[in-house]
C-alpha cells in the first residue's frame, strides 16, 4: 500500500472513530437531538434480549426501568473497512446506577457500529448487564 493510501486510510479510520465517540458522548449526556444527527434514516440498534430499536427515544424508554444512568469506560476502538461501509468495534466496561440507587461497575460491553456515507446505520450491543443484575 502506498504511503498516501495508508495516510488516507488512517484519516478515514480516525474520523470515523471520532464520529462514533461523538455519538456515544451525546447519548451519555442524553443529548438525543445531538446523537440523532449522527444517524442515517434507516438506523437500527440491536440490544441484548433480542431488542431492536429504530429511534433513540425507544432505546431510552427501554432503558429507563433497567438503570438510572449508565456510562462507558472505553478500552479500545477497532476500525474495519468493509467495502462501501466501515465497521467499528469498541469495548470496555459499563458503570452506573441501578433503579434502587445502588452503584454498579466493571461490566463488560462490546458495541459494533456500521457507518455508511458518514452516518451510523447499525449498532449492535453485547454486555453482561443482565448477568450482574440477576445476582
C-alpha atoms as a PDB file:
ATOM      1  CA  UNK A   1       0.000   0.000   0.000  1.00  0.00           C
ATOM      2  CA  UNK A   2       1.388   3.405  -0.949  1.00  0.00           C
ATOM      3  CA  UNK A   3       2.116   5.932   1.792  1.00  0.00           C
ATOM      4  CA  UNK A   4      -0.713   8.229   0.622  1.00  0.00           C
ATOM      5  CA  UNK A   5      -3.138   5.281   0.658  1.00  0.00           C
ATOM      6  CA  UNK A   6      -2.113   4.459   4.236  1.00  0.00           C
ATOM      7  CA  UNK A   7      -2.493   8.085   5.268  1.00  0.00           C
ATOM      8  CA  UNK A   8      -5.952   8.267   3.676  1.00  0.00           C
ATOM      9  CA  UNK A   9      -6.980   5.016   5.383  1.00  0.00           C
ATOM     10  CA  UNK A  10      -5.705   6.282   8.756  1.00  0.00           C
ATOM     11  CA  UNK A  11      -7.556   9.597   8.306  1.00  0.00           C
ATOM     12  CA  UNK A  12     -10.757   7.708   7.421  1.00  0.00           C
ATOM     13  CA  UNK A  13     -10.363   5.465  10.474  1.00  0.00           C
ATOM     14  CA  UNK A  14      -9.648   8.404  12.782  1.00  0.00           C
ATOM     15  CA  UNK A  15     -12.578  10.496  11.532  1.00  0.00           C
ATOM     16  CA  UNK A  16     -14.984   7.536  11.723  1.00  0.00           C
ATOM     17  CA  UNK A  17     -13.935   6.699  15.283  1.00  0.00           C
ATOM     18  CA  UNK A  18     -14.168  10.380  16.262  1.00  0.00           C
ATOM     19  CA  UNK A  19     -17.721  10.480  14.890  1.00  0.00           C
ATOM     20  CA  UNK A  20     -18.709   7.378  16.874  1.00  0.00           C
ATOM     21  CA  UNK A  21     -17.203   8.851  20.044  1.00  0.00           C
ATOM     22  CA  UNK A  22     -19.277  11.992  19.436  1.00  0.00           C
ATOM     23  CA  UNK A  23     -22.432   9.905  19.118  1.00  0.00           C
ATOM     24  CA  UNK A  24     -21.647   7.922  22.266  1.00  0.00           C
ATOM     25  CA  UNK A  25     -20.909  11.079  24.262  1.00  0.00           C
ATOM     26  CA  UNK A  26     -24.175  12.658  23.124  1.00  0.00           C
ATOM     27  CA  UNK A  27     -26.025   9.513  24.237  1.00  0.00           C
ATOM     28  CA  UNK A  28     -24.342   9.552  27.669  1.00  0.00           C
ATOM     29  CA  UNK A  29     -25.263  13.240  28.010  1.00  0.00           C
ATOM     30  CA  UNK A  30     -28.843  12.382  26.920  1.00  0.00           C
ATOM     31  CA  UNK A  31     -28.499  14.910  24.098  1.00  0.00           C
ATOM     32  CA  UNK A  32     -30.807  12.873  21.883  1.00  0.00           C
ATOM     33  CA  UNK A  33     -31.052  15.563  19.187  1.00  0.00           C
ATOM     34  CA  UNK A  34     -27.266  15.749  19.013  1.00  0.00           C
ATOM     35  CA  UNK A  35     -26.964  11.950  18.919  1.00  0.00           C
ATOM     36  CA  UNK A  36     -29.622  11.721  16.195  1.00  0.00           C
ATOM     37  CA  UNK A  37     -27.502  13.957  13.952  1.00  0.00           C
ATOM     38  CA  UNK A  38     -25.058  11.036  13.587  1.00  0.00           C
ATOM     39  CA  UNK A  39     -27.740   8.568  12.409  1.00  0.00           C
ATOM     40  CA  UNK A  40     -28.863   7.504   8.943  1.00  0.00           C
ATOM     41  CA  UNK A  41     -32.607   7.441   8.280  1.00  0.00           C
ATOM     42  CA  UNK A  42     -32.596   3.620   8.319  1.00  0.00           C
ATOM     43  CA  UNK A  43     -30.580   3.328  11.562  1.00  0.00           C
ATOM     44  CA  UNK A  44     -31.275   0.284  13.750  1.00  0.00           C
ATOM     45  CA  UNK A  45     -29.997  -0.688  17.204  1.00  0.00           C
ATOM     46  CA  UNK A  46     -29.873  -4.264  18.464  1.00  0.00           C
ATOM     47  CA  UNK A  47     -29.557  -4.819  22.217  1.00  0.00           C
ATOM     48  CA  UNK A  48     -29.361  -7.895  24.477  1.00  0.00           C
ATOM     49  CA  UNK A  49     -32.612  -9.755  24.908  1.00  0.00           C
ATOM     50  CA  UNK A  50     -33.319  -9.581  21.161  1.00  0.00           C
ATOM     51  CA  UNK A  51     -34.383  -5.929  21.404  1.00  0.00           C
ATOM     52  CA  UNK A  52     -34.378  -3.858  18.199  1.00  0.00           C
ATOM     53  CA  UNK A  53     -34.947  -0.116  18.177  1.00  0.00           C
ATOM     54  CA  UNK A  54     -35.321   2.376  15.352  1.00  0.00           C
ATOM     55  CA  UNK A  55     -35.316   5.573  17.413  1.00  0.00           C
ATOM     56  CA  UNK A  56     -33.284   6.849  20.325  1.00  0.00           C
ATOM     57  CA  UNK A  57     -36.482   7.564  22.262  1.00  0.00           C
ATOM     58  CA  UNK A  58     -37.363   3.846  22.057  1.00  0.00           C
ATOM     59  CA  UNK A  59     -33.958   2.956  23.484  1.00  0.00           C
ATOM     60  CA  UNK A  60     -34.198   5.470  26.333  1.00  0.00           C
ATOM     61  CA  UNK A  61     -37.704   4.248  27.249  1.00  0.00           C
ATOM     62  CA  UNK A  62     -36.491   0.636  27.264  1.00  0.00           C
ATOM     63  CA  UNK A  63     -33.521   1.506  29.495  1.00  0.00           C
ATOM     64  CA  UNK A  64     -35.462   3.630  31.998  1.00  0.00           C
ATOM     65  CA  UNK A  65     -36.651   0.723  34.231  1.00  0.00           C
ATOM     66  CA  UNK A  66     -33.265  -1.024  33.946  1.00  0.00           C
ATOM     67  CA  UNK A  67     -30.948   1.702  35.304  1.00  0.00           C
ATOM     68  CA  UNK A  68     -30.970   5.354  36.366  1.00  0.00           C
ATOM     69  CA  UNK A  69     -27.882   6.073  34.286  1.00  0.00           C
ATOM     70  CA  UNK A  70     -25.052   4.217  32.607  1.00  0.00           C
ATOM     71  CA  UNK A  71     -21.682   5.327  31.231  1.00  0.00           C
ATOM     72  CA  UNK A  72     -18.864   3.597  29.411  1.00  0.00           C
ATOM     73  CA  UNK A  73     -15.136   3.398  30.027  1.00  0.00           C
ATOM     74  CA  UNK A  74     -13.516   2.583  26.682  1.00  0.00           C
ATOM     75  CA  UNK A  75     -10.611   0.199  26.410  1.00  0.00           C
ATOM     76  CA  UNK A  76     -10.242   0.197  22.633  1.00  0.00           C
ATOM     77  CA  UNK A  77     -11.794   1.079  19.271  1.00  0.00           C
ATOM     78  CA  UNK A  78     -11.113  -1.183  16.262  1.00  0.00           C
ATOM     79  CA  UNK A  79     -11.718   0.064  12.711  1.00  0.00           C
ATOM     80  CA  UNK A  80     -12.532  -2.399   9.907  1.00  0.00           C
ATOM     81  CA  UNK A  81     -13.085  -1.149   6.345  1.00  0.00           C
ATOM     82  CA  UNK A  82     -15.790  -3.223   4.650  1.00  0.00           C
ATOM     83  CA  UNK A  83     -16.401  -2.151   1.050  1.00  0.00           C
ATOM     84  CA  UNK A  84     -18.714   0.862   0.940  1.00  0.00           C
ATOM     85  CA  UNK A  85     -19.178   0.682   4.725  1.00  0.00           C
ATOM     86  CA  UNK A  86     -16.873   0.896   7.706  1.00  0.00           C
ATOM     87  CA  UNK A  87     -17.288  -1.207  10.818  1.00  0.00           C
ATOM     88  CA  UNK A  88     -16.040  -0.077  14.213  1.00  0.00           C
ATOM     89  CA  UNK A  89     -15.967  -2.173  17.356  1.00  0.00           C
ATOM     90  CA  UNK A  90     -15.487  -0.602  20.748  1.00  0.00           C
ATOM     91  CA  UNK A  91     -15.215  -2.380  24.040  1.00  0.00           C
ATOM     92  CA  UNK A  92     -14.645  -1.674  27.682  1.00  0.00           C
ATOM     93  CA  UNK A  93     -16.737  -1.570  30.829  1.00  0.00           C
ATOM     94  CA  UNK A  94     -20.039  -0.083  31.947  1.00  0.00           C
ATOM     95  CA  UNK A  95     -20.695   1.689  35.231  1.00  0.00           C
ATOM     96  CA  UNK A  96     -23.830   3.326  36.506  1.00  0.00           C
ATOM     97  CA  UNK A  97     -26.704   3.258  38.949  1.00  0.00           C
ATOM     98  CA  UNK A  98     -29.479   0.696  39.312  1.00  0.00           C
ATOM     99  CA  UNK A  99     -33.095   1.850  39.810  1.00  0.00           C
ATOM    100  CA  UNK A 100     -32.754   1.266  43.592  1.00  0.00           C
ATOM    101  CA  UNK A 101     -29.861   3.743  43.773  1.00  0.00           C
ATOM    102  CA  UNK A 102     -27.059   1.201  44.190  1.00  0.00           C
ATOM    103  CA  UNK A 103     -23.974   1.586  42.009  1.00  0.00           C
ATOM    104  CA  UNK A 104     -22.672  -0.978  39.526  1.00  0.00           C
ATOM    105  CA  UNK A 105     -19.405  -1.122  37.630  1.00  0.00           C
ATOM    106  CA  UNK A 106     -16.848  -3.169  35.715  1.00  0.00           C
ATOM    107  CA  UNK A 107     -19.490  -4.747  33.472  1.00  0.00           C
ATOM    108  CA  UNK A 108     -18.086  -5.807  30.110  1.00  0.00           C
ATOM    109  CA  UNK A 109     -19.528  -4.500  26.847  1.00  0.00           C
ATOM    110  CA  UNK A 110     -18.856  -4.612  23.118  1.00  0.00           C
ATOM    111  CA  UNK A 111     -20.545  -2.321  20.604  1.00  0.00           C
ATOM    112  CA  UNK A 112     -20.382  -2.834  16.837  1.00  0.00           C
ATOM    113  CA  UNK A 113     -21.170   0.122  14.575  1.00  0.00           C
ATOM    114  CA  UNK A 114     -21.707   0.207  10.819  1.00  0.00           C
ATOM    115  CA  UNK A 115     -21.025   3.552   9.114  1.00  0.00           C
ATOM    116  CA  UNK A 116     -22.084   4.347   5.553  1.00  0.00           C
ATOM    117  CA  UNK A 117     -21.726   7.737   3.878  1.00  0.00           C
ATOM    118  CA  UNK A 118     -20.572   9.256   7.163  1.00  0.00           C
ATOM    119  CA  UNK A 119     -23.648   8.182   9.157  1.00  0.00           C
ATOM    120  CA  UNK A 120     -24.373   5.331  11.547  1.00  0.00           C
ATOM    121  CA  UNK A 121     -26.663   2.720  10.021  1.00  0.00           C
ATOM    122  CA  UNK A 122     -26.462  -0.025  12.639  1.00  0.00           C
ATOM    123  CA  UNK A 123     -25.404  -0.568  16.240  1.00  0.00           C
ATOM    124  CA  UNK A 124     -25.200  -3.972  17.884  1.00  0.00           C
ATOM    125  CA  UNK A 125     -24.639  -4.139  21.635  1.00  0.00           C
ATOM    126  CA  UNK A 126     -23.425  -7.020  23.783  1.00  0.00           C
ATOM    127  CA  UNK A 127     -22.920  -6.703  27.533  1.00  0.00           C
ATOM    128  CA  UNK A 128     -23.114  -8.548  30.841  1.00  0.00           C
ATOM    129  CA  UNK A 129     -25.591  -6.127  32.450  1.00  0.00           C
ATOM    130  CA  UNK A 130     -28.319  -8.768  32.860  1.00  0.00           C
ATOM    131  CA  UNK A 131     -25.823 -11.240  34.350  1.00  0.00           C
ATOM    132  CA  UNK A 132     -24.888  -8.766  37.073  1.00  0.00           C
ATOM    133  CA  UNK A 133     -28.471  -7.546  37.635  1.00  0.00           C
ATOM    134  CA  UNK A 134     -29.658 -11.109  38.274  1.00  0.00           C
ATOM    135  CA  UNK A 135     -27.126 -11.820  41.039  1.00  0.00           C
END
